[in-house]
């Protein structure tokens, strides 16, 4: 895992994010970049993934999106990106972390391996169960 860099997204990352993240609008994407709520992973200066988050209830870090380009999955990069995010926020005094994933997605197993535990869920119309997961690092 050499030549890997994780950094806060900048405006120059907007084209990459727009191409791959179709879950939020360009306006929201820009606001999240302004608030430093997106981390970018680069390998040899090429963007390969990102982690997007916000603060649930304005005080608990919630990972909204973790994404790696297909050919970079299964190599430990996702774990590296999540650990970077957790450590960055631990340094700011946060101790509890949240995320969610659909019950039909494999990501739930990934998060559990990283120490996240199920704390509930909800169902939106026409969607499978959304599992809420938490990690307490206090």
C-alpha atoms as a PDB file:
ATOM      1  CA  UNK A   1       0.000   0.000   0.000  1.00  0.00           C
ATOM      2  CA  UNK A   2       2.474   2.608  -1.083  1.00  0.00           C
ATOM      3  CA  UNK A   3       1.831   5.985  -2.697  1.00  0.00           C
ATOM      4  CA  UNK A   4      -1.487   6.263  -0.817  1.00  0.00           C
ATOM      5  CA  UNK A   5      -2.648   9.655   0.348  1.00  0.00           C
ATOM      6  CA  UNK A   6      -5.836  10.534   2.214  1.00  0.00           C
ATOM      7  CA  UNK A   7      -6.783  14.194   2.261  1.00  0.00           C
ATOM      8  CA  UNK A   8      -9.695  16.543   2.666  1.00  0.00           C
ATOM      9  CA  UNK A   9     -11.512  17.019  -0.639  1.00  0.00           C
ATOM     10  CA  UNK A  10     -10.983  20.277  -2.496  1.00  0.00           C
ATOM     11  CA  UNK A  11     -12.840  21.921  -5.375  1.00  0.00           C
ATOM     12  CA  UNK A  12     -10.437  20.206  -7.764  1.00  0.00           C
ATOM     13  CA  UNK A  13     -12.007  16.861  -6.719  1.00  0.00           C
ATOM     14  CA  UNK A  14     -15.525  17.896  -7.796  1.00  0.00           C
ATOM     15  CA  UNK A  15     -15.312  16.350 -11.306  1.00  0.00           C
ATOM     16  CA  UNK A  16     -14.240  12.972  -9.841  1.00  0.00           C
ATOM     17  CA  UNK A  17     -16.965  13.071  -7.175  1.00  0.00           C
ATOM     18  CA  UNK A  18     -19.661  14.181  -9.621  1.00  0.00           C
ATOM     19  CA  UNK A  19     -18.755  11.338 -11.953  1.00  0.00           C
ATOM     20  CA  UNK A  20     -18.977   8.655  -9.260  1.00  0.00           C
ATOM     21  CA  UNK A  21     -21.273   9.945  -6.481  1.00  0.00           C
ATOM     22  CA  UNK A  22     -24.804  10.256  -7.812  1.00  0.00           C
ATOM     23  CA  UNK A  23     -26.380  10.369  -4.340  1.00  0.00           C
ATOM     24  CA  UNK A  24     -26.086  14.134  -3.738  1.00  0.00           C
ATOM     25  CA  UNK A  25     -26.444  17.277  -5.814  1.00  0.00           C
ATOM     26  CA  UNK A  26     -23.540  19.435  -6.946  1.00  0.00           C
ATOM     27  CA  UNK A  27     -24.690  22.186  -4.552  1.00  0.00           C
ATOM     28  CA  UNK A  28     -24.591  19.860  -1.537  1.00  0.00           C
ATOM     29  CA  UNK A  29     -21.293  18.410  -2.729  1.00  0.00           C
ATOM     30  CA  UNK A  30     -19.763  21.898  -2.797  1.00  0.00           C
ATOM     31  CA  UNK A  31     -21.084  22.696   0.697  1.00  0.00           C
ATOM     32  CA  UNK A  32     -19.656  19.457   2.082  1.00  0.00           C
ATOM     33  CA  UNK A  33     -16.269  20.298   0.550  1.00  0.00           C
ATOM     34  CA  UNK A  34     -16.409  23.776   2.097  1.00  0.00           C
ATOM     35  CA  UNK A  35     -17.124  22.166   5.507  1.00  0.00           C
ATOM     36  CA  UNK A  36     -14.313  19.582   5.100  1.00  0.00           C
ATOM     37  CA  UNK A  37     -16.816  16.698   5.266  1.00  0.00           C
ATOM     38  CA  UNK A  38     -15.334  14.619   2.443  1.00  0.00           C
ATOM     39  CA  UNK A  39     -12.071  12.691   2.511  1.00  0.00           C
ATOM     40  CA  UNK A  40     -10.430  11.625  -0.750  1.00  0.00           C
ATOM     41  CA  UNK A  41      -8.115   8.646  -1.170  1.00  0.00           C
ATOM     42  CA  UNK A  42      -5.504   8.890  -3.899  1.00  0.00           C
ATOM     43  CA  UNK A  43      -3.037   6.286  -5.072  1.00  0.00           C
ATOM     44  CA  UNK A  44      -0.140   7.714  -7.046  1.00  0.00           C
ATOM     45  CA  UNK A  45      -2.105  11.000  -7.301  1.00  0.00           C
ATOM     46  CA  UNK A  46      -5.156   9.291  -8.845  1.00  0.00           C
ATOM     47  CA  UNK A  47      -8.472   9.454  -6.978  1.00  0.00           C
ATOM     48  CA  UNK A  48      -9.684   5.958  -6.105  1.00  0.00           C
ATOM     49  CA  UNK A  49     -12.322   6.603  -3.453  1.00  0.00           C
ATOM     50  CA  UNK A  50     -13.850   8.831  -0.827  1.00  0.00           C
ATOM     51  CA  UNK A  51     -15.577   8.974   2.529  1.00  0.00           C
ATOM     52  CA  UNK A  52     -18.377  11.484   3.034  1.00  0.00           C
ATOM     53  CA  UNK A  53     -19.791  12.301   6.486  1.00  0.00           C
ATOM     54  CA  UNK A  54     -21.756  14.742   8.599  1.00  0.00           C
ATOM     55  CA  UNK A  55     -22.708  15.120  12.246  1.00  0.00           C
ATOM     56  CA  UNK A  56     -25.854  13.266  13.325  1.00  0.00           C
ATOM     57  CA  UNK A  57     -27.787  15.429  15.808  1.00  0.00           C
ATOM     58  CA  UNK A  58     -25.000  17.957  15.155  1.00  0.00           C
ATOM     59  CA  UNK A  59     -22.678  16.049  17.493  1.00  0.00           C
ATOM     60  CA  UNK A  60     -22.069  12.426  16.424  1.00  0.00           C
ATOM     61  CA  UNK A  61     -19.971  11.679  13.315  1.00  0.00           C
ATOM     62  CA  UNK A  62     -22.074   9.762  10.795  1.00  0.00           C
ATOM     63  CA  UNK A  63     -20.421   8.195   7.743  1.00  0.00           C
ATOM     64  CA  UNK A  64     -22.839   8.804   4.859  1.00  0.00           C
ATOM     65  CA  UNK A  65     -20.808   7.224   2.095  1.00  0.00           C
ATOM     66  CA  UNK A  66     -17.700   5.120   1.744  1.00  0.00           C
ATOM     67  CA  UNK A  67     -16.844   4.317  -1.841  1.00  0.00           C
ATOM     68  CA  UNK A  68     -13.914   2.802  -3.676  1.00  0.00           C
ATOM     69  CA  UNK A  69     -13.599   2.406  -7.427  1.00  0.00           C
ATOM     70  CA  UNK A  70     -14.265  -1.265  -8.244  1.00  0.00           C
ATOM     71  CA  UNK A  71     -10.677  -2.315  -9.012  1.00  0.00           C
ATOM     72  CA  UNK A  72      -9.485  -0.983  -5.642  1.00  0.00           C
ATOM     73  CA  UNK A  73     -11.961  -2.928  -3.497  1.00  0.00           C
ATOM     74  CA  UNK A  74     -10.940  -5.860  -1.316  1.00  0.00           C
ATOM     75  CA  UNK A  75      -7.388  -4.575  -0.814  1.00  0.00           C
ATOM     76  CA  UNK A  76      -7.746  -2.944   2.604  1.00  0.00           C
ATOM     77  CA  UNK A  77      -8.195   0.602   1.293  1.00  0.00           C
ATOM     78  CA  UNK A  78     -11.694   0.968   2.737  1.00  0.00           C
ATOM     79  CA  UNK A  79     -10.459  -0.032   6.177  1.00  0.00           C
ATOM     80  CA  UNK A  80      -7.598   2.447   5.851  1.00  0.00           C
ATOM     81  CA  UNK A  81      -9.989   5.250   4.906  1.00  0.00           C
ATOM     82  CA  UNK A  82     -12.383   4.506   7.789  1.00  0.00           C
ATOM     83  CA  UNK A  83      -9.519   4.303  10.310  1.00  0.00           C
ATOM     84  CA  UNK A  84      -8.146   7.617   9.048  1.00  0.00           C
ATOM     85  CA  UNK A  85     -11.598   9.226   9.479  1.00  0.00           C
ATOM     86  CA  UNK A  86     -12.041   7.771  12.970  1.00  0.00           C
ATOM     87  CA  UNK A  87      -8.570   8.899  14.097  1.00  0.00           C
ATOM     88  CA  UNK A  88      -9.061  12.358  12.620  1.00  0.00           C
ATOM     89  CA  UNK A  89     -12.281  12.761  14.613  1.00  0.00           C
ATOM     90  CA  UNK A  90     -10.889  11.113  17.758  1.00  0.00           C
ATOM     91  CA  UNK A  91      -8.255  13.860  17.715  1.00  0.00           C
ATOM     92  CA  UNK A  92     -11.134  16.374  17.752  1.00  0.00           C
ATOM     93  CA  UNK A  93     -12.693  14.729  20.818  1.00  0.00           C
ATOM     94  CA  UNK A  94     -15.362  12.538  19.215  1.00  0.00           C
ATOM     95  CA  UNK A  95     -15.743   9.055  20.696  1.00  0.00           C
ATOM     96  CA  UNK A  96     -18.878   7.614  19.069  1.00  0.00           C
ATOM     97  CA  UNK A  97     -19.233   6.960  15.341  1.00  0.00           C
ATOM     98  CA  UNK A  98     -22.290   6.009  13.296  1.00  0.00           C
ATOM     99  CA  UNK A  99     -22.992   4.658   9.842  1.00  0.00           C
ATOM    100  CA  UNK A 100     -25.718   2.757   8.061  1.00  0.00           C
ATOM    101  CA  UNK A 101     -26.106   0.313   5.210  1.00  0.00           C
ATOM    102  CA  UNK A 102     -28.883  -1.569   3.508  1.00  0.00           C
ATOM    103  CA  UNK A 103     -29.530  -5.070   4.830  1.00  0.00           C
ATOM    104  CA  UNK A 104     -28.997  -6.339   1.277  1.00  0.00           C
ATOM    105  CA  UNK A 105     -25.466  -4.904   1.053  1.00  0.00           C
ATOM    106  CA  UNK A 106     -22.262  -6.686   1.990  1.00  0.00           C
ATOM    107  CA  UNK A 107     -20.982  -3.497   3.663  1.00  0.00           C
ATOM    108  CA  UNK A 108     -22.695  -4.487   6.921  1.00  0.00           C
ATOM    109  CA  UNK A 109     -20.136  -7.277   7.387  1.00  0.00           C
ATOM    110  CA  UNK A 110     -17.258  -4.903   6.630  1.00  0.00           C
ATOM    111  CA  UNK A 111     -18.429  -2.429   9.299  1.00  0.00           C
ATOM    112  CA  UNK A 112     -18.921  -5.176  11.896  1.00  0.00           C
ATOM    113  CA  UNK A 113     -15.349  -6.357  11.287  1.00  0.00           C
ATOM    114  CA  UNK A 114     -14.226  -2.795  12.051  1.00  0.00           C
ATOM    115  CA  UNK A 115     -15.997  -2.895  15.420  1.00  0.00           C
ATOM    116  CA  UNK A 116     -19.352  -1.358  14.524  1.00  0.00           C
ATOM    117  CA  UNK A 117     -22.400  -2.949  16.142  1.00  0.00           C
ATOM    118  CA  UNK A 118     -26.036  -2.934  15.082  1.00  0.00           C
ATOM    119  CA  UNK A 119     -28.141  -0.451  17.041  1.00  0.00           C
ATOM    120  CA  UNK A 120     -31.373  -0.451  15.050  1.00  0.00           C
ATOM    121  CA  UNK A 121     -32.822   0.184  11.666  1.00  0.00           C
ATOM    122  CA  UNK A 122     -35.660   1.607   9.658  1.00  0.00           C
ATOM    123  CA  UNK A 123     -37.475   0.959   6.410  1.00  0.00           C
ATOM    124  CA  UNK A 124     -38.129   3.616   3.799  1.00  0.00           C
ATOM    125  CA  UNK A 125     -40.823   3.017   1.169  1.00  0.00           C
ATOM    126  CA  UNK A 126     -39.602   0.685  -1.582  1.00  0.00           C
ATOM    127  CA  UNK A 127     -36.274   0.031   0.163  1.00  0.00           C
ATOM    128  CA  UNK A 128     -34.907  -2.879   2.206  1.00  0.00           C
ATOM    129  CA  UNK A 129     -34.088  -2.432   5.885  1.00  0.00           C
ATOM    130  CA  UNK A 130     -31.488   0.272   6.578  1.00  0.00           C
ATOM    131  CA  UNK A 131     -29.234  -0.998   9.379  1.00  0.00           C
ATOM    132  CA  UNK A 132     -27.793   1.591  11.781  1.00  0.00           C
ATOM    133  CA  UNK A 133     -24.375   0.762  13.201  1.00  0.00           C
ATOM    134  CA  UNK A 134     -22.341   2.383  15.963  1.00  0.00           C
ATOM    135  CA  UNK A 135     -18.761   2.227  17.217  1.00  0.00           C
ATOM    136  CA  UNK A 136     -17.957   3.495  20.723  1.00  0.00           C
ATOM    137  CA  UNK A 137     -14.275   4.329  21.139  1.00  0.00           C
ATOM    138  CA  UNK A 138     -14.496   5.916  24.585  1.00  0.00           C
END
